[in-house]
Amino acid sequence: MAFILPDNPFDPDQLPGQVLGIASDLGVHDSGPHRHQRHQLLFAQAGCMSIELENRLCLLPPTRAAWIPAGTTHRVLMRGVVAYRSLYFSPDQCLPNMVQVMGVNPLLREIIERVSLWPWDKPQEEQQRTLALFMEELLHSPKEDWHLPMPQDKRLASWLWHIKRGGFMPDRLNQLAEKVGASSKTIGRIFMSDTGMSYQAWRQQWRLLHAMELLAEGIPLSQVASQLEFSSDSAFISFFKKNTGQTPLIYLNSKRFR
């Protein structure tokens, strides 16, 4: 059976088979930086997780999956109960060799669920049709590059730890400067050097990604606007539409039913 209890040890690199799938319900979780000798597809049927890749943070609500090539260092973070699904593939020249975050349509979602619950000793010939359909959907799934570059300055390490794991609203620039004991100009230079964005632009990108996460979790729009410190629902809708080209409701429905 491929359903893994949270306390059970699991190492896909120590198991035989071309394709392995696991399913688990996980709560607050930090995998720590690690890598696999297999390619991995990460997905959540319910709940939301974040994944750190190459000094950037990517959000994975139930509408997105991440393809992580073998040998890629990554870190998975969860703040609440997540219906976790992960597929592992032996390295193959036909499989993607670059990190990708992609949209998941209903068909791909069902294939991931089926493969994640396969017994690990399922005969390979019985896998072929499903895996062929999986690969077709994977290669044609829309790529979604919503991510947040992370500053590397050690003075921000503790503050970033709380932001990433607690989902707390990032401070305003003057508040952050006071917390870390640096001037606002210094903080601004750090963010521009490390992320290519001003602190204000970085904070707005964080708000946008967190809004997507909260909406995917079913949080009412008014509560999302309040949590992200918008002055009104209409101000939040305007901000979201400016950055995505869609209102929050249209965006969410397009991801659910496409």
C-alpha atoms as a PDB file:
ATOM      1  CA  MET A   1       0.000   0.000   0.000  1.00  0.00           C
ATOM      2  CA  ALA A   2       1.357   3.448  -0.880  1.00  0.00           C
ATOM      3  CA  PHE A   3      -0.343   5.475   1.875  1.00  0.00           C
ATOM      4  CA  ILE A   4       2.384   6.569   4.293  1.00  0.00           C
ATOM      5  CA  LEU A   5       1.779   7.515   7.910  1.00  0.00           C
ATOM      6  CA  PRO A   6       3.615  10.727   8.937  1.00  0.00           C
ATOM      7  CA  ASP A   7       5.994   8.888  11.296  1.00  0.00           C
ATOM      8  CA  ASN A   8       6.916   6.136   8.829  1.00  0.00           C
ATOM      9  CA  PRO A   9      10.422   6.379   7.310  1.00  0.00           C
ATOM     10  CA  PHE A  10      10.442   6.457   3.521  1.00  0.00           C
ATOM     11  CA  ASP A  11      13.345   6.723   1.086  1.00  0.00           C
ATOM     12  CA  PRO A  12      12.394   6.336  -2.600  1.00  0.00           C
ATOM     13  CA  ASP A  13      16.050   5.945  -3.556  1.00  0.00           C
ATOM     14  CA  GLN A  14      16.248   2.679  -1.614  1.00  0.00           C
ATOM     15  CA  LEU A  15      13.278   1.035  -3.356  1.00  0.00           C
ATOM     16  CA  PRO A  16      13.143  -0.776  -6.713  1.00  0.00           C
ATOM     17  CA  GLY A  17      10.753   0.039  -9.525  1.00  0.00           C
ATOM     18  CA  GLN A  18      10.579   2.575 -12.362  1.00  0.00           C
ATOM     19  CA  VAL A  19       7.731   4.549 -10.782  1.00  0.00           C
ATOM     20  CA  LEU A  20       6.812   4.902  -7.098  1.00  0.00           C
ATOM     21  CA  GLY A  21       3.924   6.856  -5.647  1.00  0.00           C
ATOM     22  CA  ILE A  22       3.040   7.822  -2.081  1.00  0.00           C
ATOM     23  CA  ALA A  23       0.123   9.533  -0.385  1.00  0.00           C
ATOM     24  CA  SER A  24      -0.005  10.945   3.118  1.00  0.00           C
ATOM     25  CA  ASP A  25      -1.852  13.448   5.280  1.00  0.00           C
ATOM     26  CA  LEU A  26       0.716  15.782   6.815  1.00  0.00           C
ATOM     27  CA  GLY A  27       0.332  18.664   9.256  1.00  0.00           C
ATOM     28  CA  VAL A  28       2.973  21.290  10.073  1.00  0.00           C
ATOM     29  CA  HIS A  29       6.049  20.012   8.296  1.00  0.00           C
ATOM     30  CA  ASP A  30       9.523  21.111   7.249  1.00  0.00           C
ATOM     31  CA  SER A  31      11.380  18.532   5.182  1.00  0.00           C
ATOM     32  CA  GLY A  32      14.699  20.353   5.427  1.00  0.00           C
ATOM     33  CA  PRO A  33      16.918  20.747   2.343  1.00  0.00           C
ATOM     34  CA  HIS A  34      17.299  17.402   0.560  1.00  0.00           C
ATOM     35  CA  ARG A  35      17.496  15.782  -2.869  1.00  0.00           C
ATOM     36  CA  HIS A  36      16.580  12.499  -4.525  1.00  0.00           C
ATOM     37  CA  GLN A  37      18.226  10.281  -7.098  1.00  0.00           C
ATOM     38  CA  ARG A  38      14.820  10.067  -8.804  1.00  0.00           C
ATOM     39  CA  HIS A  39      12.723  12.715 -10.526  1.00  0.00           C
ATOM     40  CA  GLN A  40       9.820  13.820  -8.326  1.00  0.00           C
ATOM     41  CA  LEU A  41       6.373  15.268  -8.916  1.00  0.00           C
ATOM     42  CA  LEU A  42       4.993  17.073  -5.848  1.00  0.00           C
ATOM     43  CA  PHE A  43       1.271  17.772  -5.495  1.00  0.00           C
ATOM     44  CA  ALA A  44      -1.368  18.422  -2.824  1.00  0.00           C
ATOM     45  CA  GLN A  45      -4.901  17.131  -3.356  1.00  0.00           C
ATOM     46  CA  ALA A  46      -6.000  19.432  -0.526  1.00  0.00           C
ATOM     47  CA  GLY A  47      -4.186  22.087   1.456  1.00  0.00           C
ATOM     48  CA  CYS A  48      -1.255  24.187   0.376  1.00  0.00           C
ATOM     49  CA  MET A  49       2.493  23.768   0.601  1.00  0.00           C
ATOM     50  CA  SER A  50       5.493  25.876  -0.285  1.00  0.00           C
ATOM     51  CA  ILE A  51       8.674  24.631  -1.844  1.00  0.00           C
ATOM     52  CA  GLU A  52      12.072  26.308  -1.687  1.00  0.00           C
ATOM     53  CA  LEU A  53      14.111  25.966  -4.871  1.00  0.00           C
ATOM     54  CA  GLU A  54      17.328  27.773  -5.754  1.00  0.00           C
ATOM     55  CA  ASN A  55      16.776  30.657  -3.323  1.00  0.00           C
ATOM     56  CA  ARG A  56      13.166  31.139  -4.356  1.00  0.00           C
ATOM     57  CA  LEU A  57       9.891  30.174  -2.784  1.00  0.00           C
ATOM     58  CA  CYS A  58       7.151  28.606  -4.926  1.00  0.00           C
ATOM     59  CA  LEU A  59       3.576  28.171  -3.787  1.00  0.00           C
ATOM     60  CA  LEU A  60       1.783  24.883  -4.476  1.00  0.00           C
ATOM     61  CA  PRO A  61      -1.971  25.091  -3.872  1.00  0.00           C
ATOM     62  CA  PRO A  62      -4.152  22.203  -5.136  1.00  0.00           C
ATOM     63  CA  THR A  63      -4.103  23.736  -8.616  1.00  0.00           C
ATOM     64  CA  ARG A  64      -0.337  23.357  -9.125  1.00  0.00           C
ATOM     65  CA  ALA A  65       2.329  20.667  -9.070  1.00  0.00           C
ATOM     66  CA  ALA A  66       6.113  20.907  -9.062  1.00  0.00           C
ATOM     67  CA  TRP A  67       8.385  18.749 -11.201  1.00  0.00           C
ATOM     68  CA  ILE A  68      11.774  18.369  -9.479  1.00  0.00           C
ATOM     69  CA  PRO A  69      14.524  16.672 -11.512  1.00  0.00           C
ATOM     70  CA  ALA A  70      16.816  14.140  -9.854  1.00  0.00           C
ATOM     71  CA  GLY A  71      19.641  15.743  -7.887  1.00  0.00           C
ATOM     72  CA  THR A  72      17.805  19.049  -7.306  1.00  0.00           C
ATOM     73  CA  THR A  73      18.055  20.352  -3.743  1.00  0.00           C
ATOM     74  CA  HIS A  74      14.660  21.454  -2.421  1.00  0.00           C
ATOM     75  CA  ARG A  75      12.755  21.986   0.821  1.00  0.00           C
ATOM     76  CA  VAL A  76       9.023  21.431   1.401  1.00  0.00           C
ATOM     77  CA  LEU A  77       7.117  23.519   3.955  1.00  0.00           C
ATOM     78  CA  MET A  78       3.560  22.984   5.210  1.00  0.00           C
ATOM     79  CA  ARG A  79       1.638  25.045   7.754  1.00  0.00           C
ATOM     80  CA  GLY A  80      -1.561  22.991   8.009  1.00  0.00           C
ATOM     81  CA  VAL A  81      -3.020  19.625   7.087  1.00  0.00           C
ATOM     82  CA  VAL A  82      -2.076  18.753   3.504  1.00  0.00           C
ATOM     83  CA  ALA A  83      -3.228  15.748   1.455  1.00  0.00           C
ATOM     84  CA  TYR A  84       0.280  15.148   0.153  1.00  0.00           C
ATOM     85  CA  ARG A  85       0.986  13.231  -3.051  1.00  0.00           C
ATOM     86  CA  SER A  86       4.404  12.484  -4.483  1.00  0.00           C
ATOM     87  CA  LEU A  87       5.476  10.468  -7.521  1.00  0.00           C
ATOM     88  CA  TYR A  88       9.063   9.322  -8.092  1.00  0.00           C
ATOM     89  CA  PHE A  89      10.515   8.330 -11.469  1.00  0.00           C
ATOM     90  CA  SER A  90      13.790   6.670 -12.352  1.00  0.00           C
ATOM     91  CA  PRO A  91      15.867   9.156 -14.402  1.00  0.00           C
ATOM     92  CA  ASP A  92      15.081   8.922 -18.095  1.00  0.00           C
ATOM     93  CA  GLN A  93      16.154  11.044 -21.065  1.00  0.00           C
ATOM     94  CA  CYS A  94      12.515  11.457 -22.094  1.00  0.00           C
ATOM     95  CA  LEU A  95      11.560  13.100 -18.782  1.00  0.00           C
ATOM     96  CA  PRO A  96      11.959  16.854 -18.126  1.00  0.00           C
ATOM     97  CA  ASN A  97      15.363  17.830 -16.703  1.00  0.00           C
ATOM     98  CA  MET A  98      14.410  21.300 -15.457  1.00  0.00           C
ATOM     99  CA  VAL A  99      12.386  22.446 -12.457  1.00  0.00           C
ATOM    100  CA  GLN A 100       8.821  23.271 -13.508  1.00  0.00           C
ATOM    101  CA  VAL A 101       5.741  24.505 -11.668  1.00  0.00           C
ATOM    102  CA  MET A 102       2.642  23.625 -13.670  1.00  0.00           C
ATOM    103  CA  GLY A 103      -1.115  23.894 -13.611  1.00  0.00           C
ATOM    104  CA  VAL A 104      -3.013  20.699 -12.810  1.00  0.00           C
ATOM    105  CA  ASN A 105      -6.254  20.053 -14.688  1.00  0.00           C
ATOM    106  CA  PRO A 106      -8.886  17.551 -13.445  1.00  0.00           C
ATOM    107  CA  LEU A 107      -7.541  14.699 -15.600  1.00  0.00           C
ATOM    108  CA  LEU A 108      -3.952  15.097 -14.436  1.00  0.00           C
ATOM    109  CA  ARG A 109      -5.207  15.395 -10.866  1.00  0.00           C
ATOM    110  CA  GLU A 110      -6.982  12.029 -11.103  1.00  0.00           C
ATOM    111  CA  ILE A 111      -3.958  10.346 -12.701  1.00  0.00           C
ATOM    112  CA  ILE A 112      -1.700  11.596  -9.890  1.00  0.00           C
ATOM    113  CA  GLU A 113      -4.155  10.244  -7.329  1.00  0.00           C
ATOM    114  CA  ARG A 114      -4.280   6.838  -9.017  1.00  0.00           C
ATOM    115  CA  VAL A 115      -0.512   6.471  -9.348  1.00  0.00           C
ATOM    116  CA  SER A 116       0.173   7.700  -5.800  1.00  0.00           C
ATOM    117  CA  LEU A 117      -1.972   4.846  -4.431  1.00  0.00           C
ATOM    118  CA  TRP A 118      -0.576   2.086  -6.631  1.00  0.00           C
ATOM    119  CA  PRO A 119       1.095  -0.812  -4.798  1.00  0.00           C
ATOM    120  CA  TRP A 120       4.846  -0.531  -5.282  1.00  0.00           C
ATOM    121  CA  ASP A 121       4.994  -4.019  -6.801  1.00  0.00           C
ATOM    122  CA  LYS A 122       2.374  -3.309  -9.470  1.00  0.00           C
ATOM    123  CA  PRO A 123       3.558  -5.054 -12.677  1.00  0.00           C
ATOM    124  CA  GLN A 124       5.136  -2.608 -15.105  1.00  0.00           C
ATOM    125  CA  GLU A 125       3.001  -3.759 -18.022  1.00  0.00           C
ATOM    126  CA  GLU A 126      -0.124  -2.792 -16.046  1.00  0.00           C
ATOM    127  CA  GLN A 127       1.233   0.724 -15.568  1.00  0.00           C
ATOM    128  CA  GLN A 128       1.952   1.626 -19.169  1.00  0.00           C
ATOM    129  CA  ARG A 129      -1.364   3.065 -20.393  1.00  0.00           C
ATOM    130  CA  THR A 130      -1.844   5.241 -17.328  1.00  0.00           C
ATOM    131  CA  LEU A 131       1.762   6.454 -17.419  1.00  0.00           C
ATOM    132  CA  ALA A 132       1.537   7.265 -21.126  1.00  0.00           C
ATOM    133  CA  LEU A 133      -1.518   9.429 -20.433  1.00  0.00           C
ATOM    134  CA  PHE A 134       0.277  10.985 -17.458  1.00  0.00           C
ATOM    135  CA  MET A 135       3.257  11.967 -19.603  1.00  0.00           C
ATOM    136  CA  GLU A 136       1.001  13.489 -22.272  1.00  0.00           C
ATOM    137  CA  GLU A 137      -0.800  15.607 -19.677  1.00  0.00           C
ATOM    138  CA  LEU A 138       2.454  16.533 -17.936  1.00  0.00           C
ATOM    139  CA  LEU A 139       4.162  17.745 -21.115  1.00  0.00           C
ATOM    140  CA  HIS A 140       1.148  19.831 -22.188  1.00  0.00           C
ATOM    141  CA  SER A 141       0.246  21.283 -18.778  1.00  0.00           C
ATOM    142  CA  PRO A 142       0.557  25.084 -18.594  1.00  0.00           C
ATOM    143  CA  LYS A 143       3.671  26.312 -16.825  1.00  0.00           C
ATOM    144  CA  GLU A 144       3.032  28.755 -13.965  1.00  0.00           C
ATOM    145  CA  ASP A 145       6.017  30.764 -12.795  1.00  0.00           C
ATOM    146  CA  TRP A 146       4.577  32.438  -9.704  1.00  0.00           C
ATOM    147  CA  HIS A 147       7.480  32.513  -7.279  1.00  0.00           C
ATOM    148  CA  LEU A 148       9.199  34.745  -4.759  1.00  0.00           C
ATOM    149  CA  PRO A 149      12.996  35.204  -4.804  1.00  0.00           C
ATOM    150  CA  MET A 150      14.479  35.071  -1.316  1.00  0.00           C
ATOM    151  CA  PRO A 151      17.176  37.419   0.047  1.00  0.00           C
ATOM    152  CA  GLN A 152      20.271  35.675   1.403  1.00  0.00           C
ATOM    153  CA  ASP A 153      21.622  38.260   3.854  1.00  0.00           C
ATOM    154  CA  LYS A 154      22.130  36.641   7.281  1.00  0.00           C
ATOM    155  CA  ARG A 155      20.588  39.625   9.061  1.00  0.00           C
ATOM    156  CA  LEU A 156      17.220  38.645   7.580  1.00  0.00           C
ATOM    157  CA  ALA A 157      17.459  34.900   8.284  1.00  0.00           C
ATOM    158  CA  SER A 158      15.396  34.808  11.488  1.00  0.00           C
ATOM    159  CA  TRP A 159      12.758  37.162  10.090  1.00  0.00           C
ATOM    160  CA  LEU A 160      12.455  35.101   6.905  1.00  0.00           C
ATOM    161  CA  TRP A 161      12.130  31.887   8.912  1.00  0.00           C
ATOM    162  CA  HIS A 162       9.011  33.254  10.632  1.00  0.00           C
ATOM    163  CA  ILE A 163       7.578  34.624   7.385  1.00  0.00           C
ATOM    164  CA  LYS A 164       7.970  31.318   5.513  1.00  0.00           C
ATOM    165  CA  ARG A 165       6.732  29.036   8.260  1.00  0.00           C
ATOM    166  CA  GLY A 166       4.086  31.163   9.899  1.00  0.00           C
ATOM    167  CA  GLY A 167       2.605  32.957   6.922  1.00  0.00           C
ATOM    168  CA  PHE A 168       2.890  36.239   8.811  1.00  0.00           C
ATOM    169  CA  MET A 169       2.387  39.450   6.878  1.00  0.00           C
ATOM    170  CA  PRO A 170       5.840  40.935   6.111  1.00  0.00           C
ATOM    171  CA  ASP A 171       6.556  44.111   8.033  1.00  0.00           C
ATOM    172  CA  ARG A 172       6.566  47.516   6.460  1.00  0.00           C
ATOM    173  CA  LEU A 173      10.053  48.681   5.524  1.00  0.00           C
ATOM    174  CA  ASN A 174      10.619  50.917   8.567  1.00  0.00           C
ATOM    175  CA  GLN A 175       9.385  48.146  10.915  1.00  0.00           C
ATOM    176  CA  LEU A 176      11.687  45.578   9.313  1.00  0.00           C
ATOM    177  CA  ALA A 177      14.652  47.931   9.531  1.00  0.00           C
ATOM    178  CA  GLU A 178      14.003  48.394  13.250  1.00  0.00           C
ATOM    179  CA  LYS A 179      13.702  44.615  13.806  1.00  0.00           C
ATOM    180  CA  VAL A 180      16.989  43.687  12.150  1.00  0.00           C
ATOM    181  CA  GLY A 181      18.947  46.748  13.257  1.00  0.00           C
ATOM    182  CA  ALA A 182      19.677  48.172   9.825  1.00  0.00           C
ATOM    183  CA  SER A 183      18.583  51.320   8.035  1.00  0.00           C
ATOM    184  CA  SER A 184      15.736  51.332   5.532  1.00  0.00           C
ATOM    185  CA  LYS A 185      18.233  52.172   2.788  1.00  0.00           C
ATOM    186  CA  THR A 186      20.370  49.161   3.724  1.00  0.00           C
ATOM    187  CA  ILE A 187      17.336  46.855   3.662  1.00  0.00           C
ATOM    188  CA  GLY A 188      16.372  48.275   0.276  1.00  0.00           C
ATOM    189  CA  ARG A 189      19.859  47.615  -1.109  1.00  0.00           C
ATOM    190  CA  ILE A 190      19.839  44.041   0.227  1.00  0.00           C
ATOM    191  CA  PHE A 191      16.546  43.217  -1.481  1.00  0.00           C
ATOM    192  CA  MET A 192      17.550  44.828  -4.756  1.00  0.00           C
ATOM    193  CA  SER A 193      20.896  43.008  -4.759  1.00  0.00           C
ATOM    194  CA  ASP A 194      19.581  39.581  -3.676  1.00  0.00           C
ATOM    195  CA  THR A 195      16.180  39.464  -5.376  1.00  0.00           C
ATOM    196  CA  GLY A 196      16.267  42.080  -8.128  1.00  0.00           C
ATOM    197  CA  MET A 197      13.190  43.701  -6.525  1.00  0.00           C
ATOM    198  CA  SER A 198      12.647  46.634  -4.211  1.00  0.00           C
ATOM    199  CA  TYR A 199      11.376  45.671  -0.779  1.00  0.00           C
ATOM    200  CA  GLN A 200       7.968  47.139  -1.575  1.00  0.00           C
ATOM    201  CA  ALA A 201       7.718  45.100  -4.803  1.00  0.00           C
ATOM    202  CA  TRP A 202       8.841  41.967  -2.938  1.00  0.00           C
ATOM    203  CA  ARG A 203       6.236  42.540  -0.230  1.00  0.00           C
ATOM    204  CA  GLN A 204       3.514  42.997  -2.863  1.00  0.00           C
ATOM    205  CA  GLN A 205       4.552  39.769  -4.588  1.00  0.00           C
ATOM    206  CA  TRP A 206       4.341  38.001  -1.222  1.00  0.00           C
ATOM    207  CA  ARG A 207       0.818  39.379  -0.732  1.00  0.00           C
ATOM    208  CA  LEU A 208      -0.218  38.136  -4.172  1.00  0.00           C
ATOM    209  CA  LEU A 209       1.115  34.611  -3.654  1.00  0.00           C
ATOM    210  CA  HIS A 210      -0.359  34.388  -0.178  1.00  0.00           C
ATOM    211  CA  ALA A 211      -3.701  35.602  -1.534  1.00  0.00           C
ATOM    212  CA  MET A 212      -3.643  32.720  -4.045  1.00  0.00           C
ATOM    213  CA  GLU A 213      -2.886  30.317  -1.206  1.00  0.00           C
ATOM    214  CA  LEU A 214      -5.715  31.575   1.020  1.00  0.00           C
ATOM    215  CA  LEU A 215      -8.225  31.561  -1.833  1.00  0.00           C
ATOM    216  CA  ALA A 216      -7.216  27.997  -2.744  1.00  0.00           C
ATOM    217  CA  GLU A 217      -7.872  26.989   0.866  1.00  0.00           C
ATOM    218  CA  GLY A 218     -11.421  28.327   0.606  1.00  0.00           C
ATOM    219  CA  ILE A 219     -10.945  31.419   2.789  1.00  0.00           C
ATOM    220  CA  PRO A 220     -13.676  34.004   1.993  1.00  0.00           C
ATOM    221  CA  LEU A 221     -12.503  36.961  -0.075  1.00  0.00           C
ATOM    222  CA  SER A 222     -13.297  39.478   2.672  1.00  0.00           C
ATOM    223  CA  GLN A 223     -11.129  37.565   5.147  1.00  0.00           C
ATOM    224  CA  VAL A 224      -8.291  37.347   2.634  1.00  0.00           C
ATOM    225  CA  ALA A 225      -8.445  41.114   2.094  1.00  0.00           C
ATOM    226  CA  SER A 226      -8.394  41.689   5.854  1.00  0.00           C
ATOM    227  CA  GLN A 227      -5.517  39.267   6.540  1.00  0.00           C
ATOM    228  CA  LEU A 228      -3.409  40.901   3.865  1.00  0.00           C
ATOM    229  CA  GLU A 229      -4.131  44.385   5.238  1.00  0.00           C
ATOM    230  CA  PHE A 230      -6.054  45.811   2.298  1.00  0.00           C
ATOM    231  CA  SER A 231      -8.246  48.786   3.110  1.00  0.00           C
ATOM    232  CA  SER A 232     -11.304  47.175   1.525  1.00  0.00           C
ATOM    233  CA  ASP A 233     -12.458  44.185  -0.525  1.00  0.00           C
ATOM    234  CA  SER A 234     -12.508  46.338  -3.640  1.00  0.00           C
ATOM    235  CA  ALA A 235      -8.886  47.422  -3.050  1.00  0.00           C
ATOM    236  CA  PHE A 236      -7.870  43.769  -2.832  1.00  0.00           C
ATOM    237  CA  ILE A 237      -9.817  42.838  -5.995  1.00  0.00           C
ATOM    238  CA  SER A 238      -8.190  45.730  -7.867  1.00  0.00           C
ATOM    239  CA  PHE A 239      -4.713  44.667  -6.688  1.00  0.00           C
ATOM    240  CA  PHE A 240      -5.304  41.039  -7.660  1.00  0.00           C
ATOM    241  CA  LYS A 241      -6.687  41.917 -11.099  1.00  0.00           C
ATOM    242  CA  LYS A 242      -3.801  44.298 -11.803  1.00  0.00           C
ATOM    243  CA  ASN A 243      -1.269  41.537 -11.122  1.00  0.00           C
ATOM    244  CA  THR A 244      -3.019  38.507 -12.661  1.00  0.00           C
ATOM    245  CA  GLY A 245      -5.383  40.027 -15.228  1.00  0.00           C
ATOM    246  CA  GLN A 246      -8.355  38.401 -13.468  1.00  0.00           C
ATOM    247  CA  THR A 247     -10.535  39.003 -10.455  1.00  0.00           C
ATOM    248  CA  PRO A 248      -9.957  36.570  -7.556  1.00  0.00           C
ATOM    249  CA  LEU A 249     -13.226  34.742  -8.263  1.00  0.00           C
ATOM    250  CA  ILE A 250     -12.575  34.306 -11.999  1.00  0.00           C
ATOM    251  CA  TYR A 251      -8.992  33.211 -11.299  1.00  0.00           C
ATOM    252  CA  LEU A 252     -10.075  30.628  -8.743  1.00  0.00           C
ATOM    253  CA  ASN A 253     -12.878  29.247 -10.877  1.00  0.00           C
ATOM    254  CA  SER A 254     -10.598  28.947 -13.891  1.00  0.00           C
ATOM    255  CA  LYS A 255      -8.215  26.824 -11.840  1.00  0.00           C
ATOM    256  CA  ARG A 256     -10.943  24.612 -10.414  1.00  0.00           C
ATOM    257  CA  PHE A 257     -12.917  23.822 -13.511  1.00  0.00           C
ATOM    258  CA  ARG A 258     -10.683  24.116 -16.554  1.00  0.00           C
END
